[in-house]
Amino acid sequence: QIRLAGLEGNYEVAIPLSILRLKPADMLSVKG
């Protein structure tokens, strides 16, 4: 379910919000 892209040691990861059970909203703050 994860997408990983990398080039020359630089990485981009995409994680579906459904996996995290995260519902982002404007001005939402969470610890991490």
PDB file of all heavy atoms in Angstrom:
ATOM      1  N   GLN A   1       0.804  -1.220   0.000  1.00  0.00           N
ATOM      2  CA  GLN A   1       0.000   0.000   0.000  1.00  0.00           C
ATOM      3  C   GLN A   1       0.841   1.276   0.000  1.00  0.00           C
ATOM      4  O   GLN A   1       0.310   2.360  -0.177  1.00  0.00           O
ATOM      5  CB  GLN A   1      -0.927  -0.020   1.216  1.00  0.00           C
ATOM      6  CG  GLN A   1      -1.912  -1.181   1.121  1.00  0.00           C
ATOM      7  CD  GLN A   1      -2.349  -1.649   2.478  1.00  0.00           C
ATOM      8  OE1 GLN A   1      -1.538  -1.838   3.365  1.00  0.00           O
ATOM      9  NE2 GLN A   1      -3.639  -1.837   2.637  1.00  0.00           N
ATOM     10  N   ILE A   2       2.127   1.142   0.188  1.00  0.00           N
ATOM     11  CA  ILE A   2       3.042   2.286   0.263  1.00  0.00           C
ATOM     12  C   ILE A   2       3.685   2.504  -1.100  1.00  0.00           C
ATOM     13  O   ILE A   2       3.972   1.544  -1.817  1.00  0.00           O
ATOM     14  CB  ILE A   2       4.163   2.005   1.301  1.00  0.00           C
ATOM     15  CG1 ILE A   2       3.572   1.784   2.676  1.00  0.00           C
ATOM     16  CG2 ILE A   2       5.212   3.092   1.312  1.00  0.00           C
ATOM     17  CD1 ILE A   2       3.003   2.997   3.323  1.00  0.00           C
ATOM     18  N   ARG A   3       3.945   3.743  -1.431  1.00  0.00           N
ATOM     19  CA  ARG A   3       4.679   4.074  -2.653  1.00  0.00           C
ATOM     20  C   ARG A   3       5.990   4.735  -2.255  1.00  0.00           C
ATOM     21  O   ARG A   3       6.006   5.669  -1.439  1.00  0.00           O
ATOM     22  CB  ARG A   3       3.874   5.019  -3.553  1.00  0.00           C
ATOM     23  CG  ARG A   3       2.597   4.427  -4.077  1.00  0.00           C
ATOM     24  CD  ARG A   3       2.865   3.265  -5.064  1.00  0.00           C
ATOM     25  NE  ARG A   3       1.651   2.543  -5.343  1.00  0.00           N
ATOM     26  CZ  ARG A   3       1.393   1.312  -4.891  1.00  0.00           C
ATOM     27  NH1 ARG A   3       2.252   0.680  -4.152  1.00  0.00           N
ATOM     28  NH2 ARG A   3       0.267   0.723  -5.201  1.00  0.00           N
ATOM     29  N   LEU A   4       7.078   4.247  -2.831  1.00  0.00           N
ATOM     30  CA  LEU A   4       8.418   4.763  -2.555  1.00  0.00           C
ATOM     31  C   LEU A   4       9.078   5.134  -3.867  1.00  0.00           C
ATOM     32  O   LEU A   4       9.081   4.344  -4.813  1.00  0.00           O
ATOM     33  CB  LEU A   4       9.261   3.716  -1.823  1.00  0.00           C
ATOM     34  CG  LEU A   4      10.747   4.043  -1.638  1.00  0.00           C
ATOM     35  CD1 LEU A   4      10.916   5.205  -0.666  1.00  0.00           C
ATOM     36  CD2 LEU A   4      11.501   2.816  -1.154  1.00  0.00           C
ATOM     37  N   ALA A   5       9.622   6.333  -3.912  1.00  0.00           N
ATOM     38  CA  ALA A   5      10.409   6.768  -5.062  1.00  0.00           C
ATOM     39  C   ALA A   5      11.733   7.288  -4.526  1.00  0.00           C
ATOM     40  O   ALA A   5      11.777   7.924  -3.471  1.00  0.00           O
ATOM     41  CB  ALA A   5       9.677   7.861  -5.835  1.00  0.00           C
ATOM     42  N   GLY A   6      12.792   6.981  -5.221  1.00  0.00           N
ATOM     43  CA  GLY A   6      14.091   7.449  -4.754  1.00  0.00           C
ATOM     44  C   GLY A   6      15.041   7.663  -5.907  1.00  0.00           C
ATOM     45  O   GLY A   6      15.012   6.934  -6.893  1.00  0.00           O
ATOM     46  N   LEU A   7      15.872   8.681  -5.757  1.00  0.00           N
ATOM     47  CA  LEU A   7      16.878   8.990  -6.759  1.00  0.00           C
ATOM     48  C   LEU A   7      18.073   9.597  -6.054  1.00  0.00           C
ATOM     49  O   LEU A   7      17.932  10.599  -5.328  1.00  0.00           O
ATOM     50  CB  LEU A   7      16.308   9.966  -7.803  1.00  0.00           C
ATOM     51  CG  LEU A   7      17.234  10.345  -8.947  1.00  0.00           C
ATOM     52  CD1 LEU A   7      17.578   9.118  -9.793  1.00  0.00           C
ATOM     53  CD2 LEU A   7      16.585  11.413  -9.812  1.00  0.00           C
ATOM     54  N   GLU A   8      19.216   8.969  -6.214  1.00  0.00           N
ATOM     55  CA  GLU A   8      20.471   9.471  -5.656  1.00  0.00           C
ATOM     56  C   GLU A   8      20.381   9.779  -4.161  1.00  0.00           C
ATOM     57  O   GLU A   8      20.885  10.788  -3.679  1.00  0.00           O
ATOM     58  CB  GLU A   8      20.939  10.692  -6.435  1.00  0.00           C
ATOM     59  CG  GLU A   8      21.236  10.383  -7.891  1.00  0.00           C
ATOM     60  CD  GLU A   8      21.621  11.620  -8.684  1.00  0.00           C
ATOM     61  OE1 GLU A   8      21.655  12.736  -8.123  1.00  0.00           O
ATOM     62  OE2 GLU A   8      21.884  11.449  -9.887  1.00  0.00           O
ATOM     63  N   GLY A   9      19.718   8.899  -3.431  1.00  0.00           N
ATOM     64  CA  GLY A   9      19.651   9.060  -1.983  1.00  0.00           C
ATOM     65  C   GLY A   9      18.594  10.028  -1.491  1.00  0.00           C
ATOM     66  O   GLY A   9      18.565  10.376  -0.315  1.00  0.00           O
ATOM     67  N   ASN A  10      17.741  10.494  -2.375  1.00  0.00           N
ATOM     68  CA  ASN A  10      16.612  11.342  -1.989  1.00  0.00           C
ATOM     69  C   ASN A  10      15.352  10.498  -2.150  1.00  0.00           C
ATOM     70  O   ASN A  10      15.181   9.826  -3.158  1.00  0.00           O
ATOM     71  CB  ASN A  10      16.551  12.595  -2.852  1.00  0.00           C
ATOM     72  CG  ASN A  10      17.811  13.414  -2.705  1.00  0.00           C
ATOM     73  OD1 ASN A  10      18.325  13.598  -1.608  1.00  0.00           O
ATOM     74  ND2 ASN A  10      18.345  13.888  -3.824  1.00  0.00           N
ATOM     75  N   TYR A  11      14.472  10.542  -1.146  1.00  0.00           N
ATOM     76  CA  TYR A  11      13.332   9.645  -1.122  1.00  0.00           C
ATOM     77  C   TYR A  11      12.031  10.411  -0.967  1.00  0.00           C
ATOM     78  O   TYR A  11      11.973  11.437  -0.307  1.00  0.00           O
ATOM     79  CB  TYR A  11      13.456   8.658   0.054  1.00  0.00           C
ATOM     80  CG  TYR A  11      14.708   7.826  -0.024  1.00  0.00           C
ATOM     81  CD1 TYR A  11      15.863   8.205   0.653  1.00  0.00           C
ATOM     82  CD2 TYR A  11      14.752   6.679  -0.801  1.00  0.00           C
ATOM     83  CE1 TYR A  11      17.024   7.454   0.569  1.00  0.00           C
ATOM     84  CE2 TYR A  11      15.908   5.920  -0.893  1.00  0.00           C
ATOM     85  CZ  TYR A  11      17.035   6.311  -0.199  1.00  0.00           C
ATOM     86  OH  TYR A  11      18.180   5.573  -0.285  1.00  0.00           O
ATOM     87  N   GLU A  12      10.991   9.835  -1.571  1.00  0.00           N
ATOM     88  CA  GLU A  12       9.638  10.325  -1.378  1.00  0.00           C
ATOM     89  C   GLU A  12       8.765   9.127  -1.079  1.00  0.00           C
ATOM     90  O   GLU A  12       8.824   8.113  -1.776  1.00  0.00           O
ATOM     91  CB  GLU A  12       9.133  11.041  -2.630  1.00  0.00           C
ATOM     92  CG  GLU A  12       7.763  11.654  -2.424  1.00  0.00           C
ATOM     93  CD  GLU A  12       7.318  12.457  -3.627  1.00  0.00           C
ATOM     94  OE1 GLU A  12       7.907  13.521  -3.878  1.00  0.00           O
ATOM     95  OE2 GLU A  12       6.375  11.998  -4.294  1.00  0.00           O
ATOM     96  N   VAL A  13       7.993   9.241  -0.016  1.00  0.00           N
ATOM     97  CA  VAL A  13       7.134   8.150   0.439  1.00  0.00           C
ATOM     98  C   VAL A  13       5.694   8.632   0.450  1.00  0.00           C
ATOM     99  O   VAL A  13       5.417   9.726   0.960  1.00  0.00           O
ATOM    100  CB  VAL A  13       7.530   7.703   1.867  1.00  0.00           C
ATOM    101  CG1 VAL A  13       6.637   6.567   2.330  1.00  0.00           C
ATOM    102  CG2 VAL A  13       8.988   7.318   1.934  1.00  0.00           C
ATOM    103  N   ALA A  14       4.795   7.839  -0.085  1.00  0.00           N
ATOM    104  CA  ALA A  14       3.367   8.136  -0.033  1.00  0.00           C
ATOM    105  C   ALA A  14       2.681   7.044   0.783  1.00  0.00           C
ATOM    106  O   ALA A  14       2.829   5.855   0.490  1.00  0.00           O
ATOM    107  CB  ALA A  14       2.781   8.212  -1.431  1.00  0.00           C
ATOM    108  N   ILE A  15       1.964   7.470   1.810  1.00  0.00           N
ATOM    109  CA  ILE A  15       1.248   6.560   2.703  1.00  0.00           C
ATOM    110  C   ILE A  15      -0.231   6.942   2.645  1.00  0.00           C
ATOM    111  O   ILE A  15      -0.579   8.084   2.955  1.00  0.00           O
ATOM    112  CB  ILE A  15       1.755   6.699   4.157  1.00  0.00           C
ATOM    113  CG1 ILE A  15       3.265   6.488   4.222  1.00  0.00           C
ATOM    114  CG2 ILE A  15       1.017   5.735   5.076  1.00  0.00           C
ATOM    115  CD1 ILE A  15       3.879   6.916   5.550  1.00  0.00           C
ATOM    116  N   PRO A  16      -1.105   6.013   2.263  1.00  0.00           N
ATOM    117  CA  PRO A  16      -2.537   6.348   2.234  1.00  0.00           C
ATOM    118  C   PRO A  16      -3.040   6.775   3.619  1.00  0.00           C
ATOM    119  O   PRO A  16      -2.704   6.154   4.626  1.00  0.00           O
ATOM    120  CB  PRO A  16      -3.200   5.046   1.786  1.00  0.00           C
ATOM    121  CG  PRO A  16      -2.126   4.295   1.070  1.00  0.00           C
ATOM    122  CD  PRO A  16      -0.853   4.655   1.781  1.00  0.00           C
ATOM    123  N   LEU A  17      -3.822   7.822   3.653  1.00  0.00           N
ATOM    124  CA  LEU A  17      -4.369   8.314   4.919  1.00  0.00           C
ATOM    125  C   LEU A  17      -5.225   7.253   5.608  1.00  0.00           C
ATOM    126  O   LEU A  17      -5.294   7.207   6.832  1.00  0.00           O
ATOM    127  CB  LEU A  17      -5.181   9.579   4.684  1.00  0.00           C
ATOM    128  CG  LEU A  17      -4.377  10.791   4.222  1.00  0.00           C
ATOM    129  CD1 LEU A  17      -5.316  11.940   3.879  1.00  0.00           C
ATOM    130  CD2 LEU A  17      -3.376  11.216   5.271  1.00  0.00           C
ATOM    131  N   SER A  18      -5.830   6.374   4.826  1.00  0.00           N
ATOM    132  CA  SER A  18      -6.669   5.324   5.420  1.00  0.00           C
ATOM    133  C   SER A  18      -5.839   4.371   6.284  1.00  0.00           C
ATOM    134  O   SER A  18      -6.340   3.859   7.288  1.00  0.00           O
ATOM    135  CB  SER A  18      -7.415   4.557   4.338  1.00  0.00           C
ATOM    136  OG  SER A  18      -6.490   3.939   3.448  1.00  0.00           O
ATOM    137  N   ILE A  19      -4.602   4.125   5.919  1.00  0.00           N
ATOM    138  CA  ILE A  19      -3.725   3.260   6.725  1.00  0.00           C
ATOM    139  C   ILE A  19      -3.443   3.915   8.072  1.00  0.00           C
ATOM    140  O   ILE A  19      -3.426   3.264   9.109  1.00  0.00           O
ATOM    141  CB  ILE A  19      -2.412   2.960   5.983  1.00  0.00           C
ATOM    142  CG1 ILE A  19      -2.670   2.037   4.804  1.00  0.00           C
ATOM    143  CG2 ILE A  19      -1.389   2.323   6.926  1.00  0.00           C
ATOM    144  CD1 ILE A  19      -1.460   1.795   3.943  1.00  0.00           C
ATOM    145  N   LEU A  20      -3.215   5.215   8.031  1.00  0.00           N
ATOM    146  CA  LEU A  20      -2.924   5.950   9.261  1.00  0.00           C
ATOM    147  C   LEU A  20      -4.193   6.272  10.044  1.00  0.00           C
ATOM    148  O   LEU A  20      -4.108   6.747  11.175  1.00  0.00           O
ATOM    149  CB  LEU A  20      -2.188   7.252   8.935  1.00  0.00           C
ATOM    150  CG  LEU A  20      -0.820   7.104   8.296  1.00  0.00           C
ATOM    151  CD1 LEU A  20      -0.280   8.474   7.911  1.00  0.00           C
ATOM    152  CD2 LEU A  20       0.137   6.387   9.222  1.00  0.00           C
ATOM    153  N   ARG A  21      -5.340   6.049   9.419  1.00  0.00           N
ATOM    154  CA  ARG A  21      -6.621   6.410  10.031  1.00  0.00           C
ATOM    155  C   ARG A  21      -6.614   7.887  10.414  1.00  0.00           C
ATOM    156  O   ARG A  21      -7.085   8.283  11.470  1.00  0.00           O
ATOM    157  CB  ARG A  21      -6.929   5.507  11.217  1.00  0.00           C
ATOM    158  CG  ARG A  21      -7.007   4.041  10.797  1.00  0.00           C
ATOM    159  CD  ARG A  21      -7.180   3.104  11.935  1.00  0.00           C
ATOM    160  NE  ARG A  21      -7.147   1.737  11.400  1.00  0.00           N
ATOM    161  CZ  ARG A  21      -6.883   0.683  12.140  1.00  0.00           C
ATOM    162  NH1 ARG A  21      -6.660   0.804  13.424  1.00  0.00           N
ATOM    163  NH2 ARG A  21      -6.857  -0.507  11.605  1.00  0.00           N
ATOM    164  N   LEU A  22      -6.047   8.674   9.499  1.00  0.00           N
ATOM    165  CA  LEU A  22      -5.885  10.108   9.711  1.00  0.00           C
ATOM    166  C   LEU A  22      -6.898  10.864   8.861  1.00  0.00           C
ATOM    167  O   LEU A  22      -7.053  10.574   7.675  1.00  0.00           O
ATOM    168  CB  LEU A  22      -4.459  10.528   9.335  1.00  0.00           C
ATOM    169  CG  LEU A  22      -4.111  11.994   9.481  1.00  0.00           C
ATOM    170  CD1 LEU A  22      -4.199  12.425  10.936  1.00  0.00           C
ATOM    171  CD2 LEU A  22      -2.702  12.252   8.945  1.00  0.00           C
ATOM    172  N   LYS A  23      -7.549  11.804   9.483  1.00  0.00           N
ATOM    173  CA  LYS A  23      -8.516  12.658   8.787  1.00  0.00           C
ATOM    174  C   LYS A  23      -8.035  14.092   8.911  1.00  0.00           C
ATOM    175  O   LYS A  23      -8.425  14.805   9.837  1.00  0.00           O
ATOM    176  CB  LYS A  23      -9.909  12.469   9.384  1.00  0.00           C
ATOM    177  CG  LYS A  23     -10.433  11.075   9.158  1.00  0.00           C
ATOM    178  CD  LYS A  23     -11.799  10.877   9.740  1.00  0.00           C
ATOM    179  CE  LYS A  23     -12.256   9.483   9.378  1.00  0.00           C
ATOM    180  NZ  LYS A  23     -12.735   8.723  10.444  1.00  0.00           N
ATOM    181  N   PRO A  24      -7.158  14.520   7.992  1.00  0.00           N
ATOM    182  CA  PRO A  24      -6.641  15.882   8.105  1.00  0.00           C
ATOM    183  C   PRO A  24      -7.730  16.913   7.863  1.00  0.00           C
ATOM    184  O   PRO A  24      -8.656  16.688   7.096  1.00  0.00           O
ATOM    185  CB  PRO A  24      -5.570  15.954   7.021  1.00  0.00           C
ATOM    186  CG  PRO A  24      -5.898  14.880   6.066  1.00  0.00           C
ATOM    187  CD  PRO A  24      -6.648  13.827   6.820  1.00  0.00           C
ATOM    188  N   ALA A  25      -7.591  18.000   8.570  1.00  0.00           N
ATOM    189  CA  ALA A  25      -8.512  19.125   8.420  1.00  0.00           C
ATOM    190  C   ALA A  25      -7.692  20.397   8.557  1.00  0.00           C
ATOM    191  O   ALA A  25      -6.612  20.393   9.158  1.00  0.00           O
ATOM    192  CB  ALA A  25      -9.592  19.067   9.490  1.00  0.00           C
ATOM    193  N   ASP A  26      -8.204  21.473   7.995  1.00  0.00           N
ATOM    194  CA  ASP A  26      -7.513  22.751   8.101  1.00  0.00           C
ATOM    195  C   ASP A  26      -7.285  23.095   9.576  1.00  0.00           C
ATOM    196  O   ASP A  26      -8.193  22.997  10.389  1.00  0.00           O
ATOM    197  CB  ASP A  26      -8.340  23.839   7.412  1.00  0.00           C
ATOM    198  CG  ASP A  26      -7.551  25.124   7.214  1.00  0.00           C
ATOM    199  OD1 ASP A  26      -6.314  25.061   7.095  1.00  0.00           O
ATOM    200  OD2 ASP A  26      -8.191  26.193   7.181  1.00  0.00           O
ATOM    201  N   MET A  27      -6.077  23.432   9.902  1.00  0.00           N
ATOM    202  CA  MET A  27      -5.652  23.838  11.245  1.00  0.00           C
ATOM    203  C   MET A  27      -5.536  22.668  12.238  1.00  0.00           C
ATOM    204  O   MET A  27      -5.371  22.892  13.429  1.00  0.00           O
ATOM    205  CB  MET A  27      -6.558  24.927  11.823  1.00  0.00           C
ATOM    206  CG  MET A  27      -6.693  26.141  10.922  1.00  0.00           C
ATOM    207  SD  MET A  27      -5.107  26.884  10.421  1.00  0.00           S
ATOM    208  CE  MET A  27      -4.531  27.528  11.962  1.00  0.00           C
ATOM    209  N   LEU A  28      -5.599  21.433  11.760  1.00  0.00           N
ATOM    210  CA  LEU A  28      -5.408  20.280  12.636  1.00  0.00           C
ATOM    211  C   LEU A  28      -3.930  20.177  13.006  1.00  0.00           C
ATOM    212  O   LEU A  28      -3.049  20.342  12.160  1.00  0.00           O
ATOM    213  CB  LEU A  28      -5.836  18.990  11.914  1.00  0.00           C
ATOM    214  CG  LEU A  28      -5.539  17.686  12.649  1.00  0.00           C
ATOM    215  CD1 LEU A  28      -6.424  17.563  13.896  1.00  0.00           C
ATOM    216  CD2 LEU A  28      -5.748  16.494  11.724  1.00  0.00           C
ATOM    217  N   SER A  29      -3.650  19.912  14.270  1.00  0.00           N
ATOM    218  CA  SER A  29      -2.289  19.682  14.743  1.00  0.00           C
ATOM    219  C   SER A  29      -2.244  18.350  15.468  1.00  0.00           C
ATOM    220  O   SER A  29      -3.111  18.055  16.295  1.00  0.00           O
ATOM    221  CB  SER A  29      -1.849  20.791  15.704  1.00  0.00           C
ATOM    222  OG  SER A  29      -1.767  22.026  15.032  1.00  0.00           O
ATOM    223  N   VAL A  30      -1.253  17.533  15.137  1.00  0.00           N
ATOM    224  CA  VAL A  30      -1.053  16.245  15.801  1.00  0.00           C
ATOM    225  C   VAL A  30       0.422  16.082  16.116  1.00  0.00           C
ATOM    226  O   VAL A  30       1.281  16.671  15.469  1.00  0.00           O
ATOM    227  CB  VAL A  30      -1.555  15.052  14.955  1.00  0.00           C
ATOM    228  CG1 VAL A  30      -3.053  15.121  14.726  1.00  0.00           C
ATOM    229  CG2 VAL A  30      -0.805  14.950  13.636  1.00  0.00           C
ATOM    230  N   LYS A  31       0.698  15.272  17.117  1.00  0.00           N
ATOM    231  CA  LYS A  31       2.077  14.989  17.490  1.00  0.00           C
ATOM    232  C   LYS A  31       2.673  14.006  16.486  1.00  0.00           C
ATOM    233  O   LYS A  31       1.984  13.158  15.937  1.00  0.00           O
ATOM    234  CB  LYS A  31       2.138  14.366  18.893  1.00  0.00           C
ATOM    235  CG  LYS A  31       1.589  15.245  19.997  1.00  0.00           C
ATOM    236  CD  LYS A  31       2.535  16.358  20.343  1.00  0.00           C
ATOM    237  CE  LYS A  31       3.661  15.819  21.194  1.00  0.00           C
ATOM    238  NZ  LYS A  31       4.534  16.804  21.744  1.00  0.00           N
ATOM    239  N   GLY A  32       3.988  14.126  16.268  1.00  0.00           N
ATOM    240  CA  GLY A  32       4.656  13.199  15.369  1.00  0.00           C
ATOM    241  C   GLY A  32       6.149  13.442  15.316  1.00  0.00           C
ATOM    242  O   GLY A  32       6.661  14.430  15.844  1.00  0.00           O
TER     243      GLY A  32
END
